[in-house]
Amino acid sequence: MLKATVTGRIWSTKKLTEMPAGSILEVVVDDSSSKLLAFDPLGCGEGEKVIVATGSVAAGWFPGKAPPIDALIIGSIDDAATKT
């Protein structure tokens, strides 16, 4: 798993029918300059810290035949300073 920050949203007018509902977001892996495109079923936004699963773990999350996804946002990281 990777800790990353959402830097943008990818817009597409066409997609494979095998793709589930969700968005494709650009993320930058923390402590790195590596960028990934990650599928987001959670509705995360720009600037949000997220947890990303990659590879077969990401594809295996989907029931049935796995869609062509190799990076999946599986969580949103809360800022401890904003918790009450």
N, C-alpha and C. Protein backbone atom coordinates (compact mmCIF):
# COMPACT_ATOMS: atom_id res chain seq x y z
N MET A 1 0.84 -1.18 0.00
CA MET A 1 0.00 0.00 0.00
C MET A 1 0.89 1.24 0.00
N LEU A 2 0.35 2.28 -0.58
CA LEU A 2 1.06 3.55 -0.68
C LEU A 2 0.24 4.66 -0.06
N LYS A 3 0.93 5.61 0.54
CA LYS A 3 0.29 6.83 1.03
C LYS A 3 0.54 7.89 -0.04
N ALA A 4 -0.54 8.57 -0.46
CA ALA A 4 -0.41 9.52 -1.57
C ALA A 4 -1.35 10.70 -1.37
N THR A 5 -1.17 11.71 -2.23
CA THR A 5 -2.01 12.90 -2.21
C THR A 5 -2.65 13.07 -3.58
N VAL A 6 -3.96 13.30 -3.60
CA VAL A 6 -4.68 13.50 -4.86
C VAL A 6 -4.29 14.86 -5.44
N THR A 7 -3.87 14.86 -6.72
CA THR A 7 -3.46 16.11 -7.35
C THR A 7 -4.37 16.52 -8.50
N GLY A 8 -5.25 15.62 -8.93
CA GLY A 8 -6.14 15.99 -10.02
C GLY A 8 -7.08 14.86 -10.40
N ARG A 9 -8.01 15.18 -11.28
CA ARG A 9 -9.01 14.23 -11.76
C ARG A 9 -8.82 14.07 -13.26
N ILE A 10 -8.94 12.85 -13.74
CA ILE A 10 -8.84 12.56 -15.17
C ILE A 10 -10.25 12.45 -15.72
N TRP A 11 -10.54 13.24 -16.75
CA TRP A 11 -11.87 13.22 -17.36
C TRP A 11 -11.80 12.40 -18.64
N SER A 12 -12.80 11.56 -18.83
CA SER A 12 -12.86 10.73 -20.02
C SER A 12 -14.30 10.68 -20.52
N THR A 13 -14.46 10.83 -21.82
CA THR A 13 -15.81 10.79 -22.38
C THR A 13 -16.23 9.37 -22.73
N LYS A 14 -15.29 8.45 -22.79
CA LYS A 14 -15.58 7.06 -23.09
C LYS A 14 -14.82 6.18 -22.10
N LYS A 15 -15.42 5.04 -21.75
CA LYS A 15 -14.72 4.08 -20.89
C LYS A 15 -15.23 2.68 -21.19
N LEU A 16 -14.48 1.70 -20.77
CA LEU A 16 -14.87 0.31 -20.95
C LEU A 16 -16.11 0.01 -20.12
N THR A 17 -16.98 -0.81 -20.64
CA THR A 17 -18.19 -1.17 -19.90
C THR A 17 -17.86 -1.99 -18.65
N GLU A 18 -16.69 -2.61 -18.61
CA GLU A 18 -16.27 -3.41 -17.46
C GLU A 18 -15.90 -2.54 -16.25
N MET A 19 -15.70 -1.25 -16.47
CA MET A 19 -15.30 -0.36 -15.39
C MET A 19 -16.49 -0.07 -14.47
N PRO A 20 -16.30 -0.24 -13.16
CA PRO A 20 -17.38 0.08 -12.23
C PRO A 20 -17.53 1.59 -12.08
N ALA A 21 -18.54 2.01 -11.33
CA ALA A 21 -18.75 3.44 -11.08
C ALA A 21 -17.60 3.98 -10.22
N GLY A 22 -17.10 5.14 -10.57
CA GLY A 22 -16.02 5.77 -9.83
C GLY A 22 -15.26 6.73 -10.73
N SER A 23 -14.20 7.30 -10.20
CA SER A 23 -13.39 8.27 -10.93
C SER A 23 -11.96 7.78 -11.04
N ILE A 24 -11.25 8.36 -11.99
CA ILE A 24 -9.81 8.11 -12.08
C ILE A 24 -9.12 9.39 -11.63
N LEU A 25 -8.28 9.25 -10.60
CA LEU A 25 -7.58 10.40 -10.04
C LEU A 25 -6.09 10.28 -10.24
N GLU A 26 -5.43 11.43 -10.41
CA GLU A 26 -3.97 11.45 -10.41
C GLU A 26 -3.52 11.65 -8.97
N VAL A 27 -2.59 10.83 -8.52
CA VAL A 27 -2.05 10.96 -7.17
C VAL A 27 -0.54 11.01 -7.23
N VAL A 28 0.07 11.70 -6.26
CA VAL A 28 1.52 11.72 -6.10
C VAL A 28 1.83 10.96 -4.82
N VAL A 29 2.70 9.96 -4.95
CA VAL A 29 3.09 9.15 -3.80
C VAL A 29 3.90 10.03 -2.84
N ASP A 30 3.51 10.01 -1.55
CA ASP A 30 4.21 10.82 -0.55
C ASP A 30 5.69 10.45 -0.47
N ASP A 31 6.53 11.43 -0.18
CA ASP A 31 7.99 11.29 -0.10
C ASP A 31 8.59 10.79 -1.41
N SER A 32 7.97 11.16 -2.53
CA SER A 32 8.41 10.73 -3.84
C SER A 32 7.87 11.70 -4.88
N SER A 33 8.40 11.62 -6.08
CA SER A 33 7.82 12.40 -7.18
C SER A 33 7.02 11.50 -8.11
N SER A 34 6.81 10.24 -7.70
CA SER A 34 6.07 9.28 -8.52
C SER A 34 4.60 9.65 -8.59
N LYS A 35 4.06 9.62 -9.81
CA LYS A 35 2.63 9.88 -10.03
C LYS A 35 1.97 8.59 -10.49
N LEU A 36 0.72 8.40 -10.08
CA LEU A 36 -0.08 7.26 -10.48
C LEU A 36 -1.46 7.73 -10.88
N LEU A 37 -2.11 6.95 -11.73
CA LEU A 37 -3.53 7.12 -11.96
C LEU A 37 -4.20 6.02 -11.16
N ALA A 38 -5.10 6.39 -10.26
CA ALA A 38 -5.74 5.43 -9.37
C ALA A 38 -7.25 5.53 -9.48
N PHE A 39 -7.90 4.38 -9.49
CA PHE A 39 -9.35 4.34 -9.53
C PHE A 39 -9.88 4.68 -8.14
N ASP A 40 -10.90 5.53 -8.09
CA ASP A 40 -11.45 6.02 -6.82
C ASP A 40 -12.94 5.73 -6.71
N PRO A 41 -13.31 4.71 -5.93
CA PRO A 41 -14.74 4.45 -5.71
C PRO A 41 -15.30 5.24 -4.53
N LEU A 42 -14.45 6.02 -3.83
CA LEU A 42 -14.85 6.69 -2.59
C LEU A 42 -15.31 8.13 -2.76
N GLY A 43 -14.94 8.78 -3.85
CA GLY A 43 -15.31 10.18 -4.05
C GLY A 43 -14.32 11.15 -3.42
N CYS A 44 -13.04 10.84 -3.46
CA CYS A 44 -12.00 11.70 -2.88
C CYS A 44 -11.81 12.95 -3.73
N GLY A 45 -11.23 13.97 -3.11
CA GLY A 45 -11.03 15.24 -3.80
C GLY A 45 -9.58 15.68 -3.84
N GLU A 46 -9.32 16.69 -4.63
CA GLU A 46 -7.96 17.22 -4.79
C GLU A 46 -7.40 17.68 -3.45
N GLY A 47 -6.15 17.34 -3.20
CA GLY A 47 -5.48 17.70 -1.95
C GLY A 47 -5.66 16.69 -0.83
N GLU A 48 -6.56 15.74 -1.02
CA GLU A 48 -6.85 14.75 0.01
C GLU A 48 -5.74 13.70 0.07
N LYS A 49 -5.38 13.30 1.30
CA LYS A 49 -4.42 12.22 1.53
C LYS A 49 -5.16 10.90 1.45
N VAL A 50 -4.60 9.94 0.72
CA VAL A 50 -5.29 8.67 0.49
C VAL A 50 -4.33 7.49 0.65
N ILE A 51 -4.92 6.31 0.79
CA ILE A 51 -4.18 5.05 0.79
C ILE A 51 -4.49 4.35 -0.52
N VAL A 52 -3.44 3.91 -1.21
CA VAL A 52 -3.60 3.29 -2.53
C VAL A 52 -3.05 1.87 -2.50
N ALA A 53 -3.87 0.91 -2.92
CA ALA A 53 -3.42 -0.47 -3.13
C ALA A 53 -3.09 -0.62 -4.61
N THR A 54 -2.06 -1.39 -4.91
CA THR A 54 -1.64 -1.54 -6.30
C THR A 54 -1.56 -3.02 -6.70
N GLY A 55 -1.46 -3.24 -8.00
CA GLY A 55 -1.26 -4.58 -8.56
C GLY A 55 -2.46 -5.48 -8.40
N SER A 56 -2.18 -6.77 -8.19
CA SER A 56 -3.25 -7.77 -8.12
C SER A 56 -4.17 -7.54 -6.93
N VAL A 57 -3.68 -6.91 -5.88
CA VAL A 57 -4.53 -6.59 -4.72
C VAL A 57 -5.62 -5.62 -5.14
N ALA A 58 -5.28 -4.61 -5.94
CA ALA A 58 -6.26 -3.63 -6.41
C ALA A 58 -7.29 -4.30 -7.32
N ALA A 59 -6.83 -5.08 -8.27
CA ALA A 59 -7.75 -5.74 -9.22
C ALA A 59 -8.61 -6.78 -8.52
N GLY A 60 -8.06 -7.46 -7.52
CA GLY A 60 -8.78 -8.52 -6.81
C GLY A 60 -9.90 -8.03 -5.92
N TRP A 61 -9.98 -6.74 -5.66
CA TRP A 61 -11.03 -6.19 -4.80
C TRP A 61 -12.40 -6.30 -5.44
N PHE A 62 -12.44 -6.28 -6.78
CA PHE A 62 -13.70 -6.29 -7.51
C PHE A 62 -14.25 -7.71 -7.64
N PRO A 63 -15.56 -7.89 -7.45
CA PRO A 63 -16.14 -9.22 -7.61
C PRO A 63 -16.17 -9.62 -9.09
N GLY A 64 -16.14 -10.91 -9.34
CA GLY A 64 -16.20 -11.39 -10.72
C GLY A 64 -14.91 -11.12 -11.46
N LYS A 65 -15.02 -10.95 -12.77
CA LYS A 65 -13.85 -10.67 -13.60
C LYS A 65 -13.29 -9.30 -13.24
N ALA A 66 -12.01 -9.27 -12.94
CA ALA A 66 -11.37 -8.01 -12.53
C ALA A 66 -11.30 -7.02 -13.69
N PRO A 67 -11.68 -5.76 -13.45
CA PRO A 67 -11.53 -4.74 -14.50
C PRO A 67 -10.04 -4.38 -14.64
N PRO A 68 -9.67 -3.68 -15.70
CA PRO A 68 -8.26 -3.34 -15.93
C PRO A 68 -7.79 -2.19 -15.02
N ILE A 69 -7.71 -2.49 -13.74
CA ILE A 69 -7.31 -1.48 -12.75
C ILE A 69 -6.13 -2.03 -11.96
N ASP A 70 -5.04 -1.26 -11.86
CA ASP A 70 -3.90 -1.73 -11.08
C ASP A 70 -3.50 -0.77 -9.96
N ALA A 71 -4.32 0.27 -9.72
CA ALA A 71 -4.13 1.15 -8.57
C ALA A 71 -5.52 1.57 -8.09
N LEU A 72 -5.79 1.32 -6.82
CA LEU A 72 -7.13 1.54 -6.26
C LEU A 72 -7.04 2.31 -4.95
N ILE A 73 -7.78 3.40 -4.85
CA ILE A 73 -7.83 4.16 -3.60
C ILE A 73 -8.75 3.39 -2.65
N ILE A 74 -8.17 2.96 -1.51
CA ILE A 74 -8.93 2.14 -0.57
C ILE A 74 -9.25 2.87 0.73
N GLY A 75 -8.72 4.08 0.90
CA GLY A 75 -9.01 4.82 2.11
C GLY A 75 -8.63 6.27 2.00
N SER A 76 -9.28 7.09 2.82
CA SER A 76 -8.99 8.51 2.92
C SER A 76 -8.39 8.74 4.30
N ILE A 77 -7.26 9.41 4.36
CA ILE A 77 -6.55 9.62 5.62
C ILE A 77 -7.05 10.89 6.29
N ASP A 78 -7.58 10.74 7.51
CA ASP A 78 -8.03 11.90 8.27
C ASP A 78 -6.85 12.61 8.89
N ASP A 79 -6.92 13.91 8.95
CA ASP A 79 -5.90 14.72 9.61
C ASP A 79 -6.17 14.69 11.10
N ALA A 80 -5.24 14.19 11.88
CA ALA A 80 -5.42 14.05 13.33
C ALA A 80 -5.70 15.40 13.99
N ALA A 81 -5.22 16.49 13.42
CA ALA A 81 -5.42 17.82 14.00
C ALA A 81 -6.88 18.27 13.91
N THR A 82 -7.65 17.71 12.98
CA THR A 82 -9.03 18.15 12.83
C THR A 82 -10.02 17.29 13.59
N LYS A 83 -9.55 16.20 14.20
CA LYS A 83 -10.44 15.34 14.98
C LYS A 83 -10.80 15.99 16.30
N THR A 84 -12.03 15.78 16.75
CA THR A 84 -12.44 16.34 18.02
C THR A 84 -12.59 15.27 19.07
